[in-house]
């Protein structure tokens, strides 16, 4: 399987556009990984809250293949990469929730002690 640079998550506040250009301003989530990870990550999220998630995922891959054709081995593994990404999302979310609670407690203690 081939590797290239991808941005793991794209949210609209990092994309700037004008008539001639598209610019990304956040490279913190950029990494070198397998090409198949890019459509797998997109598929993982495009399927959420959809009435027909399989159709949504199929449309995404069809469009992706018009620009960059996946190899058969990548197609064979994409299901596993989607599951890995969703597992990572659950784990990261749980970690952030715990971390956010700690920050809130520290801020409350700091406020109670009069430390600003």
PDB file of N, CA and C in Angstrom:
ATOM      1  N   UNK A   1       0.840  -1.175   0.000  1.00  0.00           N
ATOM      2  CA  UNK A   1       0.000   0.000   0.000  1.00  0.00           C
ATOM      3  C   UNK A   1       0.891   1.246   0.000  1.00  0.00           C
ATOM      4  N   UNK A   2       0.456   2.239  -0.740  1.00  0.00           N
ATOM      5  CA  UNK A   2       1.198   3.485  -0.837  1.00  0.00           C
ATOM      6  C   UNK A   2       0.941   4.384   0.360  1.00  0.00           C
ATOM      7  N   UNK A   3       1.907   5.280   0.635  1.00  0.00           N
ATOM      8  CA  UNK A   3       1.765   6.276   1.697  1.00  0.00           C
ATOM      9  C   UNK A   3       1.835   7.669   1.088  1.00  0.00           C
ATOM     10  N   UNK A   4       1.203   8.627   1.762  1.00  0.00           N
ATOM     11  CA  UNK A   4       1.350  10.040   1.431  1.00  0.00           C
ATOM     12  C   UNK A   4       0.899  10.870   2.629  1.00  0.00           C
ATOM     13  N   UNK A   5       1.016  12.181   2.521  1.00  0.00           N
ATOM     14  CA  UNK A   5       0.600  13.067   3.600  1.00  0.00           C
ATOM     15  C   UNK A   5      -0.906  13.271   3.539  1.00  0.00           C
ATOM     16  N   UNK A   6      -1.545  13.180   4.692  1.00  0.00           N
ATOM     17  CA  UNK A   6      -2.981  13.463   4.766  1.00  0.00           C
ATOM     18  C   UNK A   6      -3.218  14.367   5.973  1.00  0.00           C
ATOM     19  N   UNK A   7      -4.359  15.035   5.976  1.00  0.00           N
ATOM     20  CA  UNK A   7      -4.818  15.756   7.154  1.00  0.00           C
ATOM     21  C   UNK A   7      -5.928  14.893   7.737  1.00  0.00           C
ATOM     22  N   UNK A   8      -5.704  14.402   8.952  1.00  0.00           N
ATOM     23  CA  UNK A   8      -6.597  13.410   9.554  1.00  0.00           C
ATOM     24  C   UNK A   8      -8.022  13.885   9.726  1.00  0.00           C
ATOM     25  N   UNK A   9      -8.198  15.131  10.049  1.00  0.00           N
ATOM     26  CA  UNK A   9      -9.553  15.642  10.223  1.00  0.00           C
ATOM     27  C   UNK A   9      -9.617  17.024   9.605  1.00  0.00           C
ATOM     28  N   UNK A  10     -10.620  17.219   8.852  1.00  0.00           N
ATOM     29  CA  UNK A  10     -10.793  18.513   8.209  1.00  0.00           C
ATOM     30  C   UNK A  10     -12.066  19.128   8.749  1.00  0.00           C
ATOM     31  N   UNK A  11     -11.938  20.289   9.300  1.00  0.00           N
ATOM     32  CA  UNK A  11     -13.115  21.046   9.709  1.00  0.00           C
ATOM     33  C   UNK A  11     -13.028  22.398   9.028  1.00  0.00           C
ATOM     34  N   UNK A  12     -14.169  22.986   8.812  1.00  0.00           N
ATOM     35  CA  UNK A  12     -14.249  24.138   7.929  1.00  0.00           C
ATOM     36  C   UNK A  12     -13.498  25.361   8.420  1.00  0.00           C
ATOM     37  N   UNK A  13     -13.191  25.465   9.698  1.00  0.00           N
ATOM     38  CA  UNK A  13     -12.499  26.656  10.159  1.00  0.00           C
ATOM     39  C   UNK A  13     -11.009  26.642   9.836  1.00  0.00           C
ATOM     40  N   UNK A  14     -10.511  25.586   9.219  1.00  0.00           N
ATOM     41  CA  UNK A  14      -9.103  25.579   8.815  1.00  0.00           C
ATOM     42  C   UNK A  14      -8.936  25.770   7.311  1.00  0.00           C
ATOM     43  N   UNK A  15     -10.034  25.895   6.579  1.00  0.00           N
ATOM     44  CA  UNK A  15      -9.963  26.033   5.129  1.00  0.00           C
ATOM     45  C   UNK A  15     -10.313  27.462   4.738  1.00  0.00           C
ATOM     46  N   UNK A  16      -9.402  28.106   4.036  1.00  0.00           N
ATOM     47  CA  UNK A  16      -9.636  29.449   3.517  1.00  0.00           C
ATOM     48  C   UNK A  16      -9.701  29.371   2.004  1.00  0.00           C
ATOM     49  N   UNK A  17     -10.681  29.984   1.408  1.00  0.00           N
ATOM     50  CA  UNK A  17     -10.807  29.953  -0.045  1.00  0.00           C
ATOM     51  C   UNK A  17     -11.024  31.359  -0.586  1.00  0.00           C
ATOM     52  N   UNK A  18     -10.605  31.538  -1.813  1.00  0.00           N
ATOM     53  CA  UNK A  18     -10.982  32.716  -2.580  1.00  0.00           C
ATOM     54  C   UNK A  18     -11.197  32.247  -4.010  1.00  0.00           C
ATOM     55  N   UNK A  19     -11.268  33.158  -4.951  1.00  0.00           N
ATOM     56  CA  UNK A  19     -11.593  32.777  -6.332  1.00  0.00           C
ATOM     57  C   UNK A  19     -10.600  31.803  -6.939  1.00  0.00           C
ATOM     58  N   UNK A  20      -9.337  31.895  -6.557  1.00  0.00           N
ATOM     59  CA  UNK A  20      -8.299  31.110  -7.223  1.00  0.00           C
ATOM     60  C   UNK A  20      -7.624  30.060  -6.347  1.00  0.00           C
ATOM     61  N   UNK A  21      -7.813  30.114  -5.036  1.00  0.00           N
ATOM     62  CA  UNK A  21      -7.014  29.274  -4.150  1.00  0.00           C
ATOM     63  C   UNK A  21      -7.845  28.614  -3.063  1.00  0.00           C
ATOM     64  N   UNK A  22      -7.349  27.478  -2.616  1.00  0.00           N
ATOM     65  CA  UNK A  22      -7.828  26.832  -1.402  1.00  0.00           C
ATOM     66  C   UNK A  22      -6.607  26.694  -0.507  1.00  0.00           C
ATOM     67  N   UNK A  23      -6.677  27.201   0.722  1.00  0.00           N
ATOM     68  CA  UNK A  23      -5.537  27.188   1.636  1.00  0.00           C
ATOM     69  C   UNK A  23      -5.908  26.509   2.939  1.00  0.00           C
ATOM     70  N   UNK A  24      -5.019  25.663   3.438  1.00  0.00           N
ATOM     71  CA  UNK A  24      -5.185  25.039   4.747  1.00  0.00           C
ATOM     72  C   UNK A  24      -4.279  25.771   5.724  1.00  0.00           C
ATOM     73  N   UNK A  25      -4.791  26.102   6.903  1.00  0.00           N
ATOM     74  CA  UNK A  25      -3.980  26.864   7.839  1.00  0.00           C
ATOM     75  C   UNK A  25      -3.627  26.087   9.105  1.00  0.00           C
ATOM     76  N   UNK A  26      -4.029  24.826   9.225  1.00  0.00           N
ATOM     77  CA  UNK A  26      -3.751  24.029  10.413  1.00  0.00           C
ATOM     78  C   UNK A  26      -3.119  22.710   9.976  1.00  0.00           C
ATOM     79  N   UNK A  27      -1.833  22.571  10.249  1.00  0.00           N
ATOM     80  CA  UNK A  27      -1.147  21.354   9.846  1.00  0.00           C
ATOM     81  C   UNK A  27      -0.851  20.446  11.043  1.00  0.00           C
ATOM     82  N   UNK A  28      -1.467  20.726  12.186  1.00  0.00           N
ATOM     83  CA  UNK A  28      -1.240  19.932  13.385  1.00  0.00           C
ATOM     84  C   UNK A  28      -1.722  18.502  13.264  1.00  0.00           C
ATOM     85  N   UNK A  29      -2.695  18.273  12.392  1.00  0.00           N
ATOM     86  CA  UNK A  29      -3.236  16.929  12.229  1.00  0.00           C
ATOM     87  C   UNK A  29      -2.736  16.266  10.954  1.00  0.00           C
ATOM     88  N   UNK A  30      -1.641  16.785  10.394  1.00  0.00           N
ATOM     89  CA  UNK A  30      -1.083  16.203   9.183  1.00  0.00           C
ATOM     90  C   UNK A  30      -0.121  15.086   9.561  1.00  0.00           C
ATOM     91  N   UNK A  31      -0.161  14.012   8.813  1.00  0.00           N
ATOM     92  CA  UNK A  31       0.757  12.913   9.061  1.00  0.00           C
ATOM     93  C   UNK A  31       0.992  12.131   7.770  1.00  0.00           C
ATOM     94  N   UNK A  32       2.063  11.373   7.769  1.00  0.00           N
ATOM     95  CA  UNK A  32       2.318  10.465   6.651  1.00  0.00           C
ATOM     96  C   UNK A  32       1.718   9.120   7.019  1.00  0.00           C
ATOM     97  N   UNK A  33       0.858   8.621   6.157  1.00  0.00           N
ATOM     98  CA  UNK A  33       0.194   7.352   6.443  1.00  0.00           C
ATOM     99  C   UNK A  33      -0.240   6.699   5.135  1.00  0.00           C
ATOM    100  N   UNK A  34      -0.912   5.595   5.239  1.00  0.00           N
ATOM    101  CA  UNK A  34      -1.388   4.902   4.052  1.00  0.00           C
ATOM    102  C   UNK A  34      -2.447   5.745   3.344  1.00  0.00           C
ATOM    103  N   UNK A  35      -2.420   5.751   2.036  1.00  0.00           N
ATOM    104  CA  UNK A  35      -3.371   6.509   1.226  1.00  0.00           C
ATOM    105  C   UNK A  35      -4.808   6.164   1.598  1.00  0.00           C
ATOM    106  N   UNK A  36      -5.079   4.916   1.853  1.00  0.00           N
ATOM    107  CA  UNK A  36      -6.437   4.449   2.150  1.00  0.00           C
ATOM    108  C   UNK A  36      -6.996   5.072   3.436  1.00  0.00           C
ATOM    109  N   UNK A  37      -6.138   5.579   4.309  1.00  0.00           N
ATOM    110  CA  UNK A  37      -6.625   6.183   5.552  1.00  0.00           C
ATOM    111  C   UNK A  37      -7.454   7.438   5.286  1.00  0.00           C
ATOM    112  N   UNK A  38      -7.116   8.189   4.258  1.00  0.00           N
ATOM    113  CA  UNK A  38      -7.852   9.413   3.970  1.00  0.00           C
ATOM    114  C   UNK A  38      -9.329   9.144   3.654  1.00  0.00           C
ATOM    115  N   UNK A  39      -9.642   8.278   2.685  1.00  0.00           N
ATOM    116  CA  UNK A  39     -11.064   8.000   2.459  1.00  0.00           C
ATOM    117  C   UNK A  39     -11.701   7.201   3.603  1.00  0.00           C
ATOM    118  N   UNK A  40     -10.909   6.419   4.329  1.00  0.00           N
ATOM    119  CA  UNK A  40     -11.468   5.667   5.464  1.00  0.00           C
ATOM    120  C   UNK A  40     -11.922   6.620   6.563  1.00  0.00           C
ATOM    121  N   UNK A  41     -11.123   7.635   6.858  1.00  0.00           N
ATOM    122  CA  UNK A  41     -11.493   8.625   7.872  1.00  0.00           C
ATOM    123  C   UNK A  41     -12.729   9.387   7.422  1.00  0.00           C
ATOM    124  N   UNK A  42     -12.737   9.800   6.172  1.00  0.00           N
ATOM    125  CA  UNK A  42     -13.902  10.525   5.639  1.00  0.00           C
ATOM    126  C   UNK A  42     -15.151   9.649   5.693  1.00  0.00           C
ATOM    127  N   UNK A  43     -15.011   8.381   5.330  1.00  0.00           N
ATOM    128  CA  UNK A  43     -16.164   7.462   5.358  1.00  0.00           C
ATOM    129  C   UNK A  43     -16.677   7.262   6.769  1.00  0.00           C
ATOM    130  N   UNK A  44     -15.770   7.173   7.729  1.00  0.00           N
ATOM    131  CA  UNK A  44     -16.179   6.960   9.116  1.00  0.00           C
ATOM    132  C   UNK A  44     -17.131   8.052   9.572  1.00  0.00           C
ATOM    133  N   UNK A  45     -16.860   9.277   9.174  1.00  0.00           N
ATOM    134  CA  UNK A  45     -17.671  10.405   9.632  1.00  0.00           C
ATOM    135  C   UNK A  45     -18.852  10.708   8.721  1.00  0.00           C
ATOM    136  N   UNK A  46     -18.720  10.436   7.453  1.00  0.00           N
ATOM    137  CA  UNK A  46     -19.836  10.712   6.539  1.00  0.00           C
ATOM    138  C   UNK A  46     -20.997   9.757   6.791  1.00  0.00           C
ATOM    139  N   UNK A  47     -20.717   8.602   7.366  1.00  0.00           N
ATOM    140  CA  UNK A  47     -21.756   7.609   7.619  1.00  0.00           C
ATOM    141  C   UNK A  47     -22.588   7.925   8.866  1.00  0.00           C
ATOM    142  N   UNK A  48     -22.068   8.768   9.752  1.00  0.00           N
ATOM    143  CA  UNK A  48     -22.756   9.070  11.005  1.00  0.00           C
ATOM    144  C   UNK A  48     -24.062   9.814  10.742  1.00  0.00           C
ATOM    145  N   UNK A  49     -25.089   9.437  11.459  1.00  0.00           N
ATOM    146  CA  UNK A  49     -26.398  10.105  11.412  1.00  0.00           C
ATOM    147  C   UNK A  49     -27.013  10.153  10.013  1.00  0.00           C
ATOM    148  N   UNK A  50     -26.690   9.202   9.183  1.00  0.00           N
ATOM    149  CA  UNK A  50     -27.280   9.132   7.840  1.00  0.00           C
ATOM    150  C   UNK A  50     -28.370   8.072   7.823  1.00  0.00           C
ATOM    151  N   UNK A  51     -29.422   8.346   7.071  1.00  0.00           N
ATOM    152  CA  UNK A  51     -30.504   7.380   6.923  1.00  0.00           C
ATOM    153  C   UNK A  51     -29.996   6.121   6.218  1.00  0.00           C
ATOM    154  N   UNK A  52     -29.128   6.312   5.211  1.00  0.00           N
ATOM    155  CA  UNK A  52     -28.538   5.194   4.483  1.00  0.00           C
ATOM    156  C   UNK A  52     -27.017   5.364   4.481  1.00  0.00           C
ATOM    157  N   UNK A  53     -26.342   4.955   5.560  1.00  0.00           N
ATOM    158  CA  UNK A  53     -24.901   5.194   5.676  1.00  0.00           C
ATOM    159  C   UNK A  53     -24.066   4.478   4.614  1.00  0.00           C
ATOM    160  N   UNK A  54     -24.491   3.303   4.195  1.00  0.00           N
ATOM    161  CA  UNK A  54     -23.726   2.556   3.189  1.00  0.00           C
ATOM    162  C   UNK A  54     -23.743   3.296   1.855  1.00  0.00           C
ATOM    163  N   UNK A  55     -24.883   3.850   1.496  1.00  0.00           N
ATOM    164  CA  UNK A  55     -24.983   4.616   0.247  1.00  0.00           C
ATOM    165  C   UNK A  55     -24.105   5.861   0.313  1.00  0.00           C
ATOM    166  N   UNK A  56     -24.111   6.546   1.442  1.00  0.00           N
ATOM    167  CA  UNK A  56     -23.264   7.730   1.607  1.00  0.00           C
ATOM    168  C   UNK A  56     -21.792   7.367   1.462  1.00  0.00           C
ATOM    169  N   UNK A  57     -21.395   6.272   2.092  1.00  0.00           N
ATOM    170  CA  UNK A  57     -20.001   5.825   2.024  1.00  0.00           C
ATOM    171  C   UNK A  57     -19.633   5.410   0.604  1.00  0.00           C
ATOM    172  N   UNK A  58     -20.529   4.729  -0.079  1.00  0.00           N
ATOM    173  CA  UNK A  58     -20.271   4.291  -1.460  1.00  0.00           C
ATOM    174  C   UNK A  58     -20.110   5.500  -2.384  1.00  0.00           C
ATOM    175  N   UNK A  59     -20.937   6.520  -2.200  1.00  0.00           N
ATOM    176  CA  UNK A  59     -20.824   7.731  -3.015  1.00  0.00           C
ATOM    177  C   UNK A  59     -19.485   8.428  -2.799  1.00  0.00           C
ATOM    178  N   UNK A  60     -19.042   8.469  -1.547  1.00  0.00           N
ATOM    179  CA  UNK A  60     -17.752   9.086  -1.249  1.00  0.00           C
ATOM    180  C   UNK A  60     -16.619   8.348  -1.959  1.00  0.00           C
ATOM    181  N   UNK A  61     -16.612   7.030  -1.864  1.00  0.00           N
ATOM    182  CA  UNK A  61     -15.547   6.235  -2.494  1.00  0.00           C
ATOM    183  C   UNK A  61     -15.610   6.352  -4.012  1.00  0.00           C
ATOM    184  N   UNK A  62     -16.809   6.380  -4.563  1.00  0.00           N
ATOM    185  CA  UNK A  62     -16.938   6.542  -6.016  1.00  0.00           C
ATOM    186  C   UNK A  62     -16.314   7.868  -6.461  1.00  0.00           C
ATOM    187  N   UNK A  63     -16.606   8.945  -5.733  1.00  0.00           N
ATOM    188  CA  UNK A  63     -16.017  10.240  -6.052  1.00  0.00           C
ATOM    189  C   UNK A  63     -14.508  10.244  -5.851  1.00  0.00           C
ATOM    190  N   UNK A  64     -14.046   9.626  -4.768  1.00  0.00           N
ATOM    191  CA  UNK A  64     -12.608   9.558  -4.487  1.00  0.00           C
ATOM    192  C   UNK A  64     -11.884   8.808  -5.599  1.00  0.00           C
ATOM    193  N   UNK A  65     -12.466   7.708  -6.050  1.00  0.00           N
ATOM    194  CA  UNK A  65     -11.842   6.905  -7.107  1.00  0.00           C
ATOM    195  C   UNK A  65     -11.772   7.635  -8.448  1.00  0.00           C
ATOM    196  N   UNK A  66     -12.599   8.638  -8.657  1.00  0.00           N
ATOM    197  CA  UNK A  66     -12.515   9.425  -9.885  1.00  0.00           C
ATOM    198  C   UNK A  66     -11.250  10.274  -9.914  1.00  0.00           C
ATOM    199  N   UNK A  67     -10.754  10.637  -8.725  1.00  0.00           N
ATOM    200  CA  UNK A  67      -9.537  11.449  -8.627  1.00  0.00           C
ATOM    201  C   UNK A  67      -8.304  10.566  -8.406  1.00  0.00           C
ATOM    202  N   UNK A  68      -8.433   9.610  -7.517  1.00  0.00           N
ATOM    203  CA  UNK A  68      -7.318   8.735  -7.161  1.00  0.00           C
ATOM    204  C   UNK A  68      -7.866   7.323  -6.987  1.00  0.00           C
ATOM    205  N   UNK A  69      -7.472   6.413  -7.843  1.00  0.00           N
ATOM    206  CA  UNK A  69      -7.987   5.038  -7.772  1.00  0.00           C
ATOM    207  C   UNK A  69      -7.278   4.250  -6.680  1.00  0.00           C
ATOM    208  N   UNK A  70      -8.072   3.671  -5.803  1.00  0.00           N
ATOM    209  CA  UNK A  70      -7.524   2.816  -4.763  1.00  0.00           C
ATOM    210  C   UNK A  70      -7.143   1.462  -5.359  1.00  0.00           C
ATOM    211  N   UNK A  71      -6.083   0.878  -4.820  1.00  0.00           N
ATOM    212  CA  UNK A  71      -5.693  -0.465  -5.235  1.00  0.00           C
ATOM    213  C   UNK A  71      -6.616  -1.487  -4.553  1.00  0.00           C
ATOM    214  N   UNK A  72      -6.657  -2.680  -5.073  1.00  0.00           N
ATOM    215  CA  UNK A  72      -7.535  -3.712  -4.508  1.00  0.00           C
ATOM    216  C   UNK A  72      -7.208  -3.989  -3.048  1.00  0.00           C
ATOM    217  N   UNK A  73      -5.932  -4.031  -2.697  1.00  0.00           N
ATOM    218  CA  UNK A  73      -5.553  -4.299  -1.306  1.00  0.00           C
ATOM    219  C   UNK A  73      -6.060  -3.179  -0.393  1.00  0.00           C
ATOM    220  N   UNK A  74      -6.094  -1.939  -0.877  1.00  0.00           N
ATOM    221  CA  UNK A  74      -6.615  -0.823  -0.086  1.00  0.00           C
ATOM    222  C   UNK A  74      -8.129  -0.962   0.100  1.00  0.00           C
ATOM    223  N   UNK A  75      -8.808  -1.351  -0.952  1.00  0.00           N
ATOM    224  CA  UNK A  75     -10.254  -1.574  -0.862  1.00  0.00           C
ATOM    225  C   UNK A  75     -10.549  -2.702   0.124  1.00  0.00           C
ATOM    226  N   UNK A  76      -9.721  -3.756   0.106  1.00  0.00           N
ATOM    227  CA  UNK A  76      -9.903  -4.880   1.016  1.00  0.00           C
ATOM    228  C   UNK A  76      -9.744  -4.467   2.488  1.00  0.00           C
ATOM    229  N   UNK A  77      -8.881  -3.486   2.754  1.00  0.00           N
ATOM    230  CA  UNK A  77      -8.578  -3.087   4.127  1.00  0.00           C
ATOM    231  C   UNK A  77      -9.374  -1.883   4.621  1.00  0.00           C
ATOM    232  N   UNK A  78     -10.092  -1.188   3.750  1.00  0.00           N
ATOM    233  CA  UNK A  78     -10.729   0.065   4.155  1.00  0.00           C
ATOM    234  C   UNK A  78     -11.710  -0.129   5.311  1.00  0.00           C
ATOM    235  N   UNK A  79     -12.431  -1.225   5.327  1.00  0.00           N
ATOM    236  CA  UNK A  79     -13.375  -1.502   6.413  1.00  0.00           C
ATOM    237  C   UNK A  79     -12.668  -1.492   7.772  1.00  0.00           C
ATOM    238  N   UNK A  80     -11.491  -2.087   7.848  1.00  0.00           N
ATOM    239  CA  UNK A  80     -10.741  -2.149   9.097  1.00  0.00           C
ATOM    240  C   UNK A  80     -10.219  -0.778   9.499  1.00  0.00           C
ATOM    241  N   UNK A  81      -9.789   0.004   8.527  1.00  0.00           N
ATOM    242  CA  UNK A  81      -9.327   1.361   8.820  1.00  0.00           C
ATOM    243  C   UNK A  81     -10.469   2.230   9.336  1.00  0.00           C
ATOM    244  N   UNK A  82     -11.671   2.051   8.823  1.00  0.00           N
ATOM    245  CA  UNK A  82     -12.845   2.792   9.313  1.00  0.00           C
ATOM    246  C   UNK A  82     -13.097   2.427  10.776  1.00  0.00           C
ATOM    247  N   UNK A  83     -13.069   1.157  11.077  1.00  0.00           N
ATOM    248  CA  UNK A  83     -13.300   0.708  12.461  1.00  0.00           C
ATOM    249  C   UNK A  83     -12.223   1.242  13.401  1.00  0.00           C
ATOM    250  N   UNK A  84     -10.976   1.251  12.935  1.00  0.00           N
ATOM    251  CA  UNK A  84      -9.889   1.787  13.756  1.00  0.00           C
ATOM    252  C   UNK A  84     -10.137   3.266  14.045  1.00  0.00           C
ATOM    253  N   UNK A  85     -10.523   4.033  13.021  1.00  0.00           N
ATOM    254  CA  UNK A  85     -10.752   5.466  13.212  1.00  0.00           C
ATOM    255  C   UNK A  85     -11.902   5.723  14.181  1.00  0.00           C
ATOM    256  N   UNK A  86     -12.983   4.992  14.067  1.00  0.00           N
ATOM    257  CA  UNK A  86     -14.097   5.179  14.991  1.00  0.00           C
ATOM    258  C   UNK A  86     -13.691   4.804  16.421  1.00  0.00           C
ATOM    259  N   UNK A  87     -12.891   3.760  16.563  1.00  0.00           N
ATOM    260  CA  UNK A  87     -12.369   3.394  17.885  1.00  0.00           C
ATOM    261  C   UNK A  87     -11.482   4.484  18.460  1.00  0.00           C
ATOM    262  N   UNK A  88     -10.644   5.075  17.607  1.00  0.00           N
ATOM    263  CA  UNK A  88      -9.806   6.189  18.051  1.00  0.00           C
ATOM    264  C   UNK A  88     -10.661   7.370  18.498  1.00  0.00           C
ATOM    265  N   UNK A  89     -11.717   7.662  17.758  1.00  0.00           N
ATOM    266  CA  UNK A  89     -12.589   8.788  18.104  1.00  0.00           C
ATOM    267  C   UNK A  89     -13.223   8.604  19.480  1.00  0.00           C
ATOM    268  N   UNK A  90     -13.691   7.399  19.769  1.00  0.00           N
ATOM    269  CA  UNK A  90     -14.290   7.121  21.076  1.00  0.00           C
ATOM    270  C   UNK A  90     -13.242   7.283  22.179  1.00  0.00           C
ATOM    271  N   UNK A  91     -12.051   6.758  21.953  1.00  0.00           N
ATOM    272  CA  UNK A  91     -10.978   6.837  22.946  1.00  0.00           C
ATOM    273  C   UNK A  91     -10.552   8.281  23.178  1.00  0.00           C
ATOM    274  N   UNK A  92     -10.349   9.029  22.121  1.00  0.00           N
ATOM    275  CA  UNK A  92      -9.943  10.439  22.241  1.00  0.00           C
ATOM    276  C   UNK A  92     -11.017  11.238  22.960  1.00  0.00           C
ATOM    277  N   UNK A  93     -12.271  11.001  22.624  1.00  0.00           N
ATOM    278  CA  UNK A  93     -13.378  11.710  23.266  1.00  0.00           C
ATOM    279  C   UNK A  93     -13.414  11.423  24.764  1.00  0.00           C
ATOM    280  N   UNK A  94     -13.238  10.172  25.149  1.00  0.00           N
ATOM    281  CA  UNK A  94     -13.238   9.805  26.568  1.00  0.00           C
ATOM    282  C   UNK A  94     -12.079  10.484  27.293  1.00  0.00           C
ATOM    283  N   UNK A  95     -10.915  10.511  26.672  1.00  0.00           N
ATOM    284  CA  UNK A  95      -9.746  11.162  27.269  1.00  0.00           C
ATOM    285  C   UNK A  95      -9.991  12.664  27.436  1.00  0.00           C
ATOM    286  N   UNK A  96     -10.528  13.306  26.411  1.00  0.00           N
ATOM    287  CA  UNK A  96     -10.784  14.740  26.483  1.00  0.00           C
ATOM    288  C   UNK A  96     -11.819  15.069  27.553  1.00  0.00           C
ATOM    289  N   UNK A  97     -12.821  14.226  27.694  1.00  0.00           N
ATOM    290  CA  UNK A  97     -13.845  14.446  28.714  1.00  0.00           C
ATOM    291  C   UNK A  97     -13.207  14.410  30.101  1.00  0.00           C
ATOM    292  N   UNK A  98     -12.348  13.429  30.336  1.00  0.00           N
ATOM    293  CA  UNK A  98     -11.659  13.324  31.627  1.00  0.00           C
ATOM    294  C   UNK A  98     -10.748  14.520  31.840  1.00  0.00           C
ATOM    295  N   UNK A  99     -10.007  14.908  30.812  1.00  0.00           N
ATOM    296  CA  UNK A  99      -9.086  16.042  30.901  1.00  0.00           C
ATOM    297  C   UNK A  99      -9.857  17.329  31.180  1.00  0.00           C
ATOM    298  N   UNK A 100     -10.987  17.527  30.513  1.00  0.00           N
ATOM    299  CA  UNK A 100     -11.791  18.734  30.715  1.00  0.00           C
ATOM    300  C   UNK A 100     -12.309  18.818  32.147  1.00  0.00           C
ATOM    301  N   UNK A 101     -12.692  17.698  32.745  1.00  0.00           N
ATOM    302  CA  UNK A 101     -13.130  17.694  34.144  1.00  0.00           C
ATOM    303  C   UNK A 101     -12.006  18.148  35.065  1.00  0.00           C
ATOM    304  N   UNK A 102     -10.794  17.688  34.808  1.00  0.00           N
ATOM    305  CA  UNK A 102      -9.637  18.065  35.627  1.00  0.00           C
ATOM    306  C   UNK A 102      -9.398  19.572  35.528  1.00  0.00           C
ATOM    307  N   UNK A 103      -9.473  20.126  34.328  1.00  0.00           N
ATOM    308  CA  UNK A 103      -9.276  21.566  34.132  1.00  0.00           C
ATOM    309  C   UNK A 103     -10.329  22.357  34.907  1.00  0.00           C
ATOM    310  N   UNK A 104     -11.579  21.934  34.842  1.00  0.00           N
ATOM    311  CA  UNK A 104     -12.665  22.630  35.557  1.00  0.00           C
ATOM    312  C   UNK A 104     -12.403  22.597  37.063  1.00  0.00           C
ATOM    313  N   UNK A 105     -12.007  21.449  37.590  1.00  0.00           N
ATOM    314  CA  UNK A 105     -11.711  21.333  39.021  1.00  0.00           C
ATOM    315  C   UNK A 105     -10.567  22.266  39.402  1.00  0.00           C
ATOM    316  N   UNK A 106      -9.507  22.291  38.593  1.00  0.00           N
ATOM    317  CA  UNK A 106      -8.378  23.176  38.877  1.00  0.00           C
ATOM    318  C   UNK A 106      -8.788  24.647  38.863  1.00  0.00           C
ATOM    319  N   UNK A 107      -9.628  25.021  37.926  1.00  0.00           N
ATOM    320  CA  UNK A 107     -10.096  26.409  37.860  1.00  0.00           C
ATOM    321  C   UNK A 107     -10.955  26.757  39.072  1.00  0.00           C
ATOM    322  N   UNK A 108     -11.815  25.833  39.504  1.00  0.00           N
ATOM    323  CA  UNK A 108     -12.644  26.074  40.688  1.00  0.00           C
ATOM    324  C   UNK A 108     -11.786  26.223  41.944  1.00  0.00           C
ATOM    325  N   UNK A 109     -10.787  25.345  42.091  1.00  0.00           N
ATOM    326  CA  UNK A 109      -9.885  25.421  43.248  1.00  0.00           C
ATOM    327  C   UNK A 109      -9.114  26.733  43.211  1.00  0.00           C
ATOM    328  N   UNK A 110      -8.603  27.067  42.060  1.00  0.00           N
ATOM    329  CA  UNK A 110      -7.854  28.331  41.906  1.00  0.00           C
ATOM    330  C   UNK A 110      -8.733  29.521  42.272  1.00  0.00           C
ATOM    331  N   UNK A 111      -9.975  29.514  41.870  1.00  0.00           N
ATOM    332  CA  UNK A 111     -10.902  30.594  42.172  1.00  0.00           C
ATOM    333  C   UNK A 111     -11.188  30.638  43.671  1.00  0.00           C
ATOM    334  N   UNK A 112     -11.407  29.469  44.280  1.00  0.00           N
ATOM    335  CA  UNK A 112     -11.677  29.417  45.718  1.00  0.00           C
ATOM    336  C   UNK A 112     -10.500  29.935  46.549  1.00  0.00           C
ATOM    337  N   UNK A 113      -9.290  29.691  46.072  1.00  0.00           N
ATOM    338  CA  UNK A 113      -8.088  30.135  46.788  1.00  0.00           C
ATOM    339  C   UNK A 113      -7.742  31.586  46.479  1.00  0.00           C
ATOM    340  N   UNK A 114      -8.484  32.179  45.547  1.00  0.00           N
ATOM    341  CA  UNK A 114      -8.203  33.577  45.185  1.00  0.00           C
ATOM    342  C   UNK A 114      -6.974  33.725  44.296  1.00  0.00           C
ATOM    343  N   UNK A 115      -6.598  32.650  43.634  1.00  0.00           N
ATOM    344  CA  UNK A 115      -5.441  32.692  42.717  1.00  0.00           C
ATOM    345  C   UNK A 115      -5.961  32.897  41.304  1.00  0.00           C
ATOM    346  N   UNK A 116      -5.731  34.029  40.758  1.00  0.00           N
ATOM    347  CA  UNK A 116      -6.228  34.322  39.402  1.00  0.00           C
ATOM    348  C   UNK A 116      -5.133  34.226  38.404  1.00  0.00           C
TER     349      UNK A 116
END
